[in-house]
């Protein structure tokens, strides 16, 4: 299956996963690294980037 750059950007660009409750959050990279972004569901600041399969 062909990979389109538009689709990859939509799925992986600026998308993070909460390590505690596993919800997806779209945020800026620098804000996540600085710890300014928290999960809107559980309030945790532990986020990781989404994995490309």
C-alpha atoms as a PDB file:
ATOM      1  CA  UNK A   1       0.000   0.000   0.000  1.00  0.00           C
ATOM      2  CA  UNK A   2       1.349   3.418  -0.929  1.00  0.00           C
ATOM      3  CA  UNK A   3       2.182   5.888   1.822  1.00  0.00           C
ATOM      4  CA  UNK A   4       0.982   9.423   1.245  1.00  0.00           C
ATOM      5  CA  UNK A   5       2.842  12.268   2.991  1.00  0.00           C
ATOM      6  CA  UNK A   6      -0.456  13.999   3.778  1.00  0.00           C
ATOM      7  CA  UNK A   7      -1.783  10.914   5.542  1.00  0.00           C
ATOM      8  CA  UNK A   8       1.437  10.378   7.499  1.00  0.00           C
ATOM      9  CA  UNK A   9       1.412  14.003   8.635  1.00  0.00           C
ATOM     10  CA  UNK A  10      -2.194  13.658   9.776  1.00  0.00           C
ATOM     11  CA  UNK A  11      -1.490  10.475  11.742  1.00  0.00           C
ATOM     12  CA  UNK A  12       1.944  11.167  13.245  1.00  0.00           C
ATOM     13  CA  UNK A  13       2.768  14.892  13.159  1.00  0.00           C
ATOM     14  CA  UNK A  14       2.489  16.469  16.646  1.00  0.00           C
ATOM     15  CA  UNK A  15       0.546  13.457  18.034  1.00  0.00           C
ATOM     16  CA  UNK A  16       1.368  12.212  21.523  1.00  0.00           C
ATOM     17  CA  UNK A  17       0.005   9.380  23.679  1.00  0.00           C
ATOM     18  CA  UNK A  18      -0.622   9.651  27.404  1.00  0.00           C
ATOM     19  CA  UNK A  19       1.435   7.018  29.222  1.00  0.00           C
ATOM     20  CA  UNK A  20      -1.173   6.707  31.969  1.00  0.00           C
ATOM     21  CA  UNK A  21      -4.545   6.480  30.179  1.00  0.00           C
ATOM     22  CA  UNK A  22      -3.400   5.909  26.528  1.00  0.00           C
ATOM     23  CA  UNK A  23      -5.401   8.805  25.011  1.00  0.00           C
ATOM     24  CA  UNK A  24      -4.159  10.667  21.943  1.00  0.00           C
ATOM     25  CA  UNK A  25      -3.298  14.347  22.250  1.00  0.00           C
ATOM     26  CA  UNK A  26      -2.187  16.689  19.472  1.00  0.00           C
ATOM     27  CA  UNK A  27       0.241  19.291  20.800  1.00  0.00           C
ATOM     28  CA  UNK A  28       3.391  21.177  19.921  1.00  0.00           C
ATOM     29  CA  UNK A  29       6.673  19.280  20.406  1.00  0.00           C
ATOM     30  CA  UNK A  30       8.411  22.022  22.362  1.00  0.00           C
ATOM     31  CA  UNK A  31       5.478  22.427  24.751  1.00  0.00           C
ATOM     32  CA  UNK A  32       5.422  18.695  25.492  1.00  0.00           C
ATOM     33  CA  UNK A  33       9.178  18.627  26.133  1.00  0.00           C
ATOM     34  CA  UNK A  34       8.884  21.648  28.434  1.00  0.00           C
ATOM     35  CA  UNK A  35       6.096  19.910  30.403  1.00  0.00           C
ATOM     36  CA  UNK A  36       3.469  22.557  29.659  1.00  0.00           C
ATOM     37  CA  UNK A  37       0.980  20.092  28.146  1.00  0.00           C
ATOM     38  CA  UNK A  38      -1.092  17.740  30.263  1.00  0.00           C
ATOM     39  CA  UNK A  39      -3.617  15.062  29.353  1.00  0.00           C
ATOM     40  CA  UNK A  40      -7.112  16.494  29.209  1.00  0.00           C
ATOM     41  CA  UNK A  41      -8.566  13.195  30.454  1.00  0.00           C
ATOM     42  CA  UNK A  42      -6.431  12.239  33.438  1.00  0.00           C
ATOM     43  CA  UNK A  43      -4.215  15.302  34.014  1.00  0.00           C
ATOM     44  CA  UNK A  44      -0.908  13.478  33.612  1.00  0.00           C
ATOM     45  CA  UNK A  45       2.100  15.203  32.044  1.00  0.00           C
ATOM     46  CA  UNK A  46       3.759  11.916  30.999  1.00  0.00           C
ATOM     47  CA  UNK A  47       3.387  11.868  27.204  1.00  0.00           C
ATOM     48  CA  UNK A  48       5.201   9.928  24.490  1.00  0.00           C
ATOM     49  CA  UNK A  49       5.218  10.297  20.699  1.00  0.00           C
ATOM     50  CA  UNK A  50       2.962   7.944  18.734  1.00  0.00           C
ATOM     51  CA  UNK A  51       4.828   4.951  17.268  1.00  0.00           C
ATOM     52  CA  UNK A  52       4.962   4.433  13.524  1.00  0.00           C
ATOM     53  CA  UNK A  53       4.154   0.831  12.628  1.00  0.00           C
END
